[in-house]
Amino acid sequence: MGIFIFFVPFPHTTAIKEICLGLSIFIVALLNFTKNGSFSFKSPFTIPFVLFTAWVFVGLFFALDKGNSIHDFRAHLLEYLCIYYLLTNFFNSSKRLMMLSWIIIISAASFSIGGLSYFYLILQNPISARFGFSHMMNIDLIGFVTIFALLLSLHLFRLENSVYHRIILVFCLLGASIATYLTMSRGSLIAACIALIAFFAKKSKWLTVWFIICSLIALSTVPALKARFSSDLLKDIRIGINLITLEILKDYPIIGVGFGMETYGNKNFIDLEKYNVKIPPQYQCKGEMIRSPHNSLADIAVRTGVVGFALFLVVYVVFVCLCWKIIQYGKNDYIRDWGVCIMAAFISVFVQGLFADGMFGPQAITLYIILAMITIVWHLNAEPDNTTTS
């Protein structure tokens, strides 16, 4: 699972990841078959997961594209749930939680530094070009991985006493930060700012205030940032996309169009042009139609209907309640600080999900890793004091 997590952000590594995940599942099955394992589904998220999965399964019978929905039900729901439960069962101690965090940090740093070197040095793109690979990893999706690693780096920097480890964390932090900035993705930059404010707010209110002031100064003085945020956001193409998605949802309100992610953009099942003319003229798409919702919540709603959307929101509600309890009532600073870090990571993923498709690939796996990490901390908080290190 460590190898699997390391390769999450890297393109063209599907075979490695599938082998690692399949082998992990096989080992778990073998251990439990021989009664040498103690795999547990005990989690605050189990009931919400079961309800949502059951609803998606029912929706397969009514999906517009049944083949694609069945495939994505396996590849983009059951597989992610397997990742979640494998992580919660085998990274289930303070030491292993730190190990998981290091894997994520080194992975994101390797991706960031390697990607930046390839994009700007080998391909010789100008520094003004937005960092990203349309054929491998979209610009708006890089931040899901890099911001998560950035927050973990800051958190581990406070926990680690080794100077050597701290130096490594600083390099990893710089790599992830530079990669996030050079994407010039408004969703990623907004998410990073809000997440960092949430991360620092509990420990240092003055640092939070200074961070907000510096961010505002940067927005008004740095030309690249000023250009990205000076455009009229009320005319952003995403507004039209969201309105089109809403029109589709009106036609399929209960069950949705089906769990298949390609259904939305498939002309054989959904005529986006027909829905485009229904929205106000100022928001209508004038050129090539965008064939994805570009919003994680809208994506879930249109694929699973209002009922599925409500069940999925239960997962978010459970997470927020769990995090709040850990932050407020955790038994020691170690537990409470982990709660703050994981809550900040969730905020970053949630905010980015409002601007991008976050329900598949590295961005979705990042969400399930965050859910797994808060579950691990929840388990640690329930253990006797002498089993949790600080």
Protein backbone atom coordinates (compact mmCIF):
# COMPACT_ATOMS: atom_id res chain seq x y z
CA MET A 1 0.00 0.00 0.00
CA GLY A 2 2.98 2.27 0.59
CA ILE A 3 4.11 1.72 -3.00
CA PHE A 4 0.55 2.32 -4.22
CA ILE A 5 0.28 5.63 -2.32
CA PHE A 6 3.67 6.78 -3.59
CA PHE A 7 2.67 6.36 -7.24
CA VAL A 8 -0.76 8.02 -6.89
CA PRO A 9 0.21 11.37 -8.50
CA PHE A 10 2.39 9.86 -11.24
CA PRO A 11 0.83 9.28 -14.69
CA HIS A 12 1.34 6.06 -16.65
CA THR A 13 1.74 3.98 -13.48
CA THR A 14 -1.67 2.29 -13.59
CA ALA A 15 -0.17 -1.21 -13.85
CA ILE A 16 2.02 -0.73 -10.76
CA LYS A 17 -0.88 0.66 -8.74
CA GLU A 18 -3.30 -2.08 -9.82
CA ILE A 19 -0.75 -4.79 -8.97
CA CYS A 20 -0.05 -3.27 -5.54
CA LEU A 21 -3.74 -2.83 -4.70
CA GLY A 22 -4.67 -6.28 -5.98
CA LEU A 23 -1.81 -7.89 -4.07
CA SER A 24 -2.83 -6.04 -0.89
CA ILE A 25 -6.41 -7.27 -1.19
CA PHE A 26 -5.17 -10.81 -1.86
CA ILE A 27 -2.92 -10.76 1.23
CA VAL A 28 -5.80 -9.52 3.40
CA ALA A 29 -8.06 -12.27 2.05
CA LEU A 30 -5.36 -14.88 2.65
CA LEU A 31 -4.68 -13.69 6.21
CA ASN A 32 -8.34 -13.74 7.11
CA PHE A 33 -8.89 -17.11 5.41
CA THR A 34 -6.11 -18.61 7.51
CA LYS A 35 -7.44 -16.73 10.57
CA ASN A 36 -4.14 -14.88 11.00
CA GLY A 37 -5.64 -11.50 10.21
CA SER A 38 -7.96 -9.17 12.07
CA PHE A 39 -9.32 -6.97 9.32
CA SER A 40 -11.91 -4.55 10.69
CA PHE A 41 -14.63 -2.43 9.09
CA LYS A 42 -15.18 -0.51 12.32
CA SER A 43 -15.35 3.13 11.31
CA PRO A 44 -17.64 6.16 11.70
CA PHE A 45 -17.90 6.17 7.91
CA THR A 46 -19.01 2.56 7.40
CA ILE A 47 -22.76 3.22 7.56
CA PRO A 48 -22.62 6.28 5.23
CA PHE A 49 -20.41 4.31 2.83
CA VAL A 50 -22.80 1.35 2.82
CA LEU A 51 -25.85 3.57 2.21
CA PHE A 52 -24.20 5.49 -0.62
CA THR A 53 -22.79 2.35 -2.24
CA ALA A 54 -26.19 0.63 -2.05
CA TRP A 55 -27.87 3.61 -3.73
CA VAL A 56 -25.26 3.70 -6.50
CA PHE A 57 -25.74 -0.04 -7.03
CA VAL A 58 -29.51 0.44 -7.41
CA GLY A 59 -28.83 3.25 -9.87
CA LEU A 60 -26.86 0.89 -12.13
CA PHE A 61 -30.16 -0.65 -13.30
CA PHE A 62 -31.44 2.77 -14.41
CA ALA A 63 -28.19 4.26 -15.74
CA LEU A 64 -28.19 5.72 -19.25
CA ASP A 65 -24.86 4.03 -19.98
CA LYS A 66 -24.96 0.83 -17.94
CA GLY A 67 -21.58 -0.45 -19.13
CA ASN A 68 -19.69 2.67 -18.11
CA SER A 69 -21.58 2.91 -14.82
CA ILE A 70 -20.76 -0.68 -13.87
CA HIS A 71 -17.09 -0.10 -14.71
CA ASP A 72 -16.91 3.10 -12.65
CA PHE A 73 -18.82 1.53 -9.77
CA ARG A 74 -15.97 -0.95 -9.49
CA ALA A 75 -13.04 1.31 -10.44
CA HIS A 76 -14.10 4.59 -8.82
CA LEU A 77 -16.09 3.54 -5.77
CA LEU A 78 -15.43 -0.03 -4.62
CA GLU A 79 -11.72 0.37 -5.34
CA TYR A 80 -11.51 3.61 -3.36
CA LEU A 81 -13.36 2.01 -0.46
CA CYS A 82 -10.83 -0.83 -0.52
CA ILE A 83 -8.03 1.76 -0.32
CA TYR A 84 -9.74 3.42 2.64
CA TYR A 85 -10.14 0.22 4.67
CA LEU A 86 -6.66 -1.07 3.81
CA LEU A 87 -5.15 2.18 5.06
CA THR A 88 -7.21 2.29 8.26
CA ASN A 89 -6.30 -1.31 9.09
CA PHE A 90 -2.57 -1.27 8.40
CA PHE A 91 -1.45 2.32 9.10
CA ASN A 92 -3.24 2.12 12.43
CA SER A 93 -0.60 3.40 14.86
CA SER A 94 1.19 6.67 15.49
CA LYS A 95 4.37 5.35 13.93
CA ARG A 96 2.60 4.05 10.83
CA LEU A 97 0.56 7.26 10.48
CA MET A 98 3.86 9.16 10.37
CA MET A 99 5.13 6.64 7.81
CA LEU A 100 2.05 7.19 5.63
CA SER A 101 2.54 10.96 5.88
CA TRP A 102 6.18 10.69 4.83
CA ILE A 103 5.23 8.57 1.81
CA ILE A 104 2.69 11.19 0.71
CA ILE A 105 5.18 14.05 1.22
CA ILE A 106 8.07 12.34 -0.64
CA SER A 107 5.70 11.29 -3.43
CA ALA A 108 4.33 14.82 -3.95
CA ALA A 109 7.83 16.34 -3.75
CA SER A 110 9.18 13.86 -6.31
CA PHE A 111 6.25 14.59 -8.62
CA SER A 112 6.62 18.36 -8.14
CA ILE A 113 10.39 18.60 -8.59
CA GLY A 114 10.47 16.06 -11.42
CA GLY A 115 7.47 17.63 -13.14
CA LEU A 116 8.86 21.17 -12.84
CA SER A 117 12.24 20.07 -14.20
CA TYR A 118 10.63 18.29 -17.15
CA PHE A 119 8.15 21.10 -17.90
CA TYR A 120 10.51 24.08 -17.67
CA LEU A 121 13.99 22.66 -18.32
CA ILE A 122 13.45 19.80 -20.78
CA LEU A 123 10.37 21.09 -22.62
CA GLN A 124 11.75 24.64 -22.22
CA ASN A 125 8.43 26.25 -21.45
CA PRO A 126 8.72 29.88 -20.30
CA ILE A 127 8.39 30.48 -16.56
CA SER A 128 5.19 32.40 -17.32
CA ALA A 129 3.56 29.20 -18.66
CA ARG A 130 1.15 27.52 -16.25
CA PHE A 131 2.60 24.28 -14.89
CA GLY A 132 0.60 21.22 -15.87
CA PHE A 133 0.22 18.42 -18.39
CA SER A 134 -3.11 18.29 -20.21
CA HIS A 135 -2.38 14.79 -21.52
CA MET A 136 -1.22 13.45 -18.13
CA MET A 137 -2.49 15.58 -15.24
CA ASN A 138 -4.71 18.63 -15.68
CA ILE A 139 -3.51 21.92 -14.22
CA ASP A 140 -6.49 22.21 -11.85
CA LEU A 141 -5.87 18.73 -10.40
CA ILE A 142 -2.23 19.08 -9.33
CA GLY A 143 -3.14 21.09 -6.23
CA PHE A 144 -5.12 18.19 -4.76
CA VAL A 145 -1.84 16.32 -4.25
CA THR A 146 0.61 19.19 -3.63
CA ILE A 147 -1.46 21.15 -1.08
CA PHE A 148 -2.13 17.99 0.93
CA ALA A 149 1.60 17.27 1.01
CA LEU A 150 2.34 20.91 1.87
CA LEU A 151 0.09 20.74 4.94
CA LEU A 152 1.55 17.40 6.05
CA SER A 153 5.07 18.84 5.67
CA LEU A 154 4.19 21.76 7.94
CA HIS A 155 2.64 19.42 10.48
CA LEU A 156 5.55 16.97 10.54
CA PHE A 157 8.00 19.86 10.79
CA ARG A 158 6.48 20.59 14.21
CA LEU A 159 6.62 16.93 15.24
CA GLU A 160 10.10 15.97 14.03
CA ASN A 161 13.08 16.65 16.28
CA SER A 162 15.72 15.48 13.79
CA VAL A 163 17.46 18.35 11.97
CA TYR A 164 18.05 16.03 9.01
CA HIS A 165 14.34 15.23 8.77
CA ARG A 166 13.42 18.90 9.05
CA ILE A 167 15.77 19.83 6.20
CA ILE A 168 14.14 17.19 4.00
CA LEU A 169 10.70 18.51 4.94
CA VAL A 170 11.72 22.06 3.97
CA PHE A 171 12.85 20.89 0.51
CA CYS A 172 9.63 18.90 0.05
CA LEU A 173 7.60 21.88 1.24
CA LEU A 174 9.30 24.20 -1.25
CA GLY A 175 8.78 21.76 -4.12
CA ALA A 176 5.06 21.33 -3.43
CA SER A 177 4.58 25.07 -2.84
CA ILE A 178 6.31 26.11 -6.06
CA ALA A 179 4.37 23.52 -8.08
CA THR A 180 1.08 24.74 -6.58
CA TYR A 181 1.90 28.38 -7.28
CA LEU A 182 3.07 27.82 -10.86
CA THR A 183 -0.17 26.07 -11.82
CA MET A 184 -1.81 29.48 -11.34
CA SER A 185 -5.03 27.57 -10.73
CA ARG A 186 -7.44 29.91 -8.97
CA GLY A 187 -9.14 26.97 -7.28
CA SER A 188 -5.82 25.62 -5.97
CA LEU A 189 -4.55 29.01 -4.79
CA ILE A 190 -7.82 29.85 -3.01
CA ALA A 191 -7.87 26.37 -1.45
CA ALA A 192 -4.25 26.70 -0.31
CA CYS A 193 -4.90 30.07 1.34
CA ILE A 194 -8.06 28.91 3.17
CA ALA A 195 -6.43 25.64 4.24
CA LEU A 196 -3.33 27.41 5.58
CA ILE A 197 -5.49 29.87 7.50
CA ALA A 198 -7.34 26.93 9.05
CA PHE A 199 -4.02 25.18 9.78
CA PHE A 200 -2.44 28.14 11.61
CA ALA A 201 -5.57 29.60 13.23
CA LYS A 202 -5.56 27.41 16.34
CA LYS A 203 -1.83 27.71 17.11
CA SER A 204 -1.07 31.30 16.11
CA LYS A 205 -3.72 33.92 15.44
CA TRP A 206 -1.08 36.59 14.74
CA LEU A 207 0.56 34.36 12.13
CA THR A 208 -2.85 33.84 10.57
CA VAL A 209 -3.45 37.60 10.38
CA TRP A 210 -0.03 38.20 8.82
CA PHE A 211 -0.63 35.40 6.31
CA ILE A 212 -3.95 36.98 5.25
CA ILE A 213 -2.31 40.41 4.90
CA CYS A 214 0.58 39.00 2.84
CA SER A 215 -1.85 37.09 0.61
CA LEU A 216 -3.85 40.26 -0.10
CA ILE A 217 -0.66 42.21 -0.86
CA ALA A 218 0.50 39.45 -3.22
CA LEU A 219 -2.85 39.48 -5.05
CA SER A 220 -2.58 43.20 -5.63
CA THR A 221 1.11 43.39 -6.55
CA VAL A 222 2.30 40.13 -8.16
CA PRO A 223 1.44 40.51 -11.88
CA ALA A 224 0.68 36.83 -12.52
CA LEU A 225 -1.67 36.56 -9.53
CA LYS A 226 -3.26 39.91 -10.29
CA ALA A 227 -3.97 38.80 -13.86
CA ARG A 228 -5.53 35.50 -12.73
CA PHE A 229 -7.87 37.12 -10.20
CA SER A 230 -8.65 40.39 -11.95
CA SER A 231 -10.93 38.78 -14.55
CA ASP A 232 -14.69 39.00 -14.04
CA LEU A 233 -15.52 35.89 -12.01
CA LEU A 234 -19.24 36.42 -12.71
CA LYS A 235 -18.53 35.60 -16.36
CA ASP A 236 -16.50 32.49 -15.62
CA ILE A 237 -17.35 29.55 -17.88
CA ARG A 238 -17.90 27.33 -14.81
CA ILE A 239 -21.13 29.19 -14.03
CA GLY A 240 -22.56 28.08 -17.36
CA ILE A 241 -21.33 24.52 -16.80
CA ASN A 242 -23.03 24.41 -13.39
CA LEU A 243 -26.28 25.76 -14.84
CA ILE A 244 -26.22 23.12 -17.59
CA THR A 245 -25.61 20.44 -14.95
CA LEU A 246 -28.60 21.75 -12.99
CA GLU A 247 -30.80 21.50 -16.09
CA ILE A 248 -29.73 17.88 -16.61
CA LEU A 249 -30.43 17.13 -12.94
CA LYS A 250 -33.97 18.48 -13.38
CA ASP A 251 -34.59 15.77 -15.98
CA TYR A 252 -33.07 13.01 -13.82
CA PRO A 253 -33.71 14.25 -10.26
CA ILE A 254 -34.00 11.03 -8.23
CA ILE A 255 -31.62 8.46 -9.67
CA GLY A 256 -29.37 10.67 -11.81
CA VAL A 257 -27.91 9.83 -15.22
CA GLY A 258 -25.88 6.92 -13.84
CA PHE A 259 -22.60 6.55 -11.97
CA GLY A 260 -20.53 6.36 -15.16
CA MET A 261 -18.33 9.43 -15.44
CA GLU A 262 -18.31 9.42 -19.23
CA THR A 263 -22.11 9.53 -19.47
CA TYR A 264 -22.25 13.32 -18.96
CA GLY A 265 -20.09 14.02 -22.00
CA ASN A 266 -21.38 11.20 -24.23
CA LYS A 267 -23.43 12.63 -27.11
CA ASN A 268 -25.24 9.31 -27.49
CA PHE A 269 -26.88 9.75 -24.07
CA ILE A 270 -26.91 13.47 -23.22
CA ASP A 271 -27.27 16.32 -25.69
CA LEU A 272 -25.46 19.15 -23.92
CA GLU A 273 -26.35 21.61 -26.68
CA LYS A 274 -30.03 21.09 -25.85
CA TYR A 275 -29.43 22.07 -22.24
CA ASN A 276 -27.06 24.88 -23.21
CA VAL A 277 -29.88 26.86 -24.87
CA LYS A 278 -32.00 26.60 -21.71
CA ILE A 279 -29.66 28.66 -19.56
CA PRO A 280 -29.37 32.50 -19.66
CA PRO A 281 -27.63 33.71 -22.87
CA GLN A 282 -24.73 35.37 -21.00
CA TYR A 283 -23.71 32.01 -19.55
CA GLN A 284 -24.21 29.87 -22.66
CA CYS A 285 -21.15 28.10 -24.05
CA LYS A 286 -20.22 29.73 -27.37
CA GLY A 287 -17.64 27.23 -28.57
CA GLU A 288 -16.88 23.58 -27.90
CA MET A 289 -19.05 22.20 -25.10
CA ILE A 290 -17.29 21.32 -21.85
CA ARG A 291 -18.14 17.67 -21.31
CA SER A 292 -17.71 17.36 -17.55
CA PRO A 293 -19.33 19.20 -14.62
CA HIS A 294 -16.04 20.71 -13.32
CA ASN A 295 -17.51 20.61 -9.82
CA SER A 296 -17.28 17.61 -7.53
CA LEU A 297 -20.60 18.21 -5.78
CA ALA A 298 -22.44 18.85 -9.05
CA ASP A 299 -20.76 15.74 -10.49
CA ILE A 300 -22.07 13.52 -7.67
CA ALA A 301 -25.52 15.11 -7.87
CA VAL A 302 -26.00 14.62 -11.60
CA ARG A 303 -24.65 11.04 -11.53
CA THR A 304 -26.54 9.78 -8.47
CA GLY A 305 -29.51 12.16 -8.21
CA VAL A 306 -30.65 14.15 -5.21
CA VAL A 307 -30.85 11.06 -2.99
CA GLY A 308 -27.30 9.96 -3.82
CA PHE A 309 -26.05 13.51 -3.34
CA ALA A 310 -27.66 13.69 0.12
CA LEU A 311 -26.13 10.33 1.11
CA PHE A 312 -22.71 11.46 -0.08
CA LEU A 313 -23.01 14.66 1.95
CA VAL A 314 -23.53 12.49 5.04
CA VAL A 315 -19.90 11.36 4.63
CA TYR A 316 -18.79 15.00 4.72
CA VAL A 317 -20.99 15.75 7.73
CA VAL A 318 -19.59 12.75 9.63
CA PHE A 319 -16.05 13.88 8.80
CA VAL A 320 -16.62 17.44 10.02
CA CYS A 321 -18.26 16.22 13.26
CA LEU A 322 -15.46 13.72 13.85
CA CYS A 323 -12.77 16.31 13.22
CA TRP A 324 -14.48 18.87 15.43
CA LYS A 325 -14.66 16.42 18.33
CA ILE A 326 -11.01 15.47 17.93
CA ILE A 327 -9.85 19.11 17.71
CA GLN A 328 -11.93 20.19 20.70
CA TYR A 329 -11.87 17.12 22.92
CA GLY A 330 -8.85 15.06 21.82
CA LYS A 331 -7.03 13.57 24.80
CA ASN A 332 -3.70 15.33 24.10
CA ASP A 333 -2.05 17.94 21.87
CA TYR A 334 -0.70 15.24 19.54
CA ILE A 335 -4.22 14.05 18.69
CA ARG A 336 -5.70 17.56 18.52
CA ASP A 337 -2.94 18.82 16.20
CA TRP A 338 -3.48 15.89 13.86
CA GLY A 339 -7.18 16.81 13.80
CA VAL A 340 -6.33 20.39 12.77
CA CYS A 341 -3.96 19.21 10.02
CA ILE A 342 -6.44 16.73 8.56
CA MET A 343 -9.30 19.24 8.73
CA ALA A 344 -7.16 21.76 6.81
CA ALA A 345 -6.39 19.08 4.21
CA PHE A 346 -10.08 18.30 3.85
CA ILE A 347 -10.87 22.00 3.41
CA SER A 348 -8.31 22.22 0.60
CA VAL A 349 -9.82 19.23 -1.21
CA PHE A 350 -13.38 20.49 -0.69
CA VAL A 351 -12.61 23.99 -2.02
CA GLN A 352 -10.72 22.65 -5.02
CA GLY A 353 -13.63 20.31 -5.69
CA LEU A 354 -15.84 23.36 -6.27
CA PHE A 355 -13.65 24.26 -9.27
CA ALA A 356 -12.64 20.86 -10.65
CA ASP A 357 -13.71 17.24 -11.10
CA GLY A 358 -12.49 15.63 -7.90
CA MET A 359 -14.28 12.28 -7.91
CA PHE A 360 -11.75 10.21 -9.85
CA GLY A 361 -8.02 9.63 -10.07
CA PRO A 362 -5.41 11.11 -7.70
CA GLN A 363 -7.79 13.77 -6.42
CA ALA A 364 -10.41 11.22 -5.30
CA ILE A 365 -7.75 8.96 -3.76
CA THR A 366 -6.48 12.00 -1.84
CA LEU A 367 -9.97 12.47 -0.39
CA TYR A 368 -10.17 8.84 0.73
CA ILE A 369 -6.66 9.02 2.24
CA ILE A 370 -7.82 12.03 4.28
CA LEU A 371 -10.90 10.10 5.43
CA ALA A 372 -8.64 7.18 6.37
CA MET A 373 -6.25 9.40 8.31
CA ILE A 374 -8.98 10.96 10.44
CA THR A 375 -10.29 7.45 11.14
CA ILE A 376 -6.81 6.36 12.28
CA VAL A 377 -6.57 9.40 14.57
CA TRP A 378 -10.06 8.58 15.89
CA HIS A 379 -8.85 5.08 16.76
CA LEU A 380 -5.70 6.47 18.41
CA ASN A 381 -7.81 8.84 20.48
CA ALA A 382 -9.82 5.88 21.77
CA GLU A 383 -6.72 3.96 22.89
CA PRO A 384 -5.26 4.11 26.42
CA ASP A 385 -2.90 7.04 26.96
CA ASN A 386 0.23 4.90 27.13
CA THR A 387 -0.16 3.70 23.51
CA THR A 388 -0.11 7.12 21.85
CA THR A 389 3.28 8.77 21.48
CA SER A 390 3.74 12.53 21.45
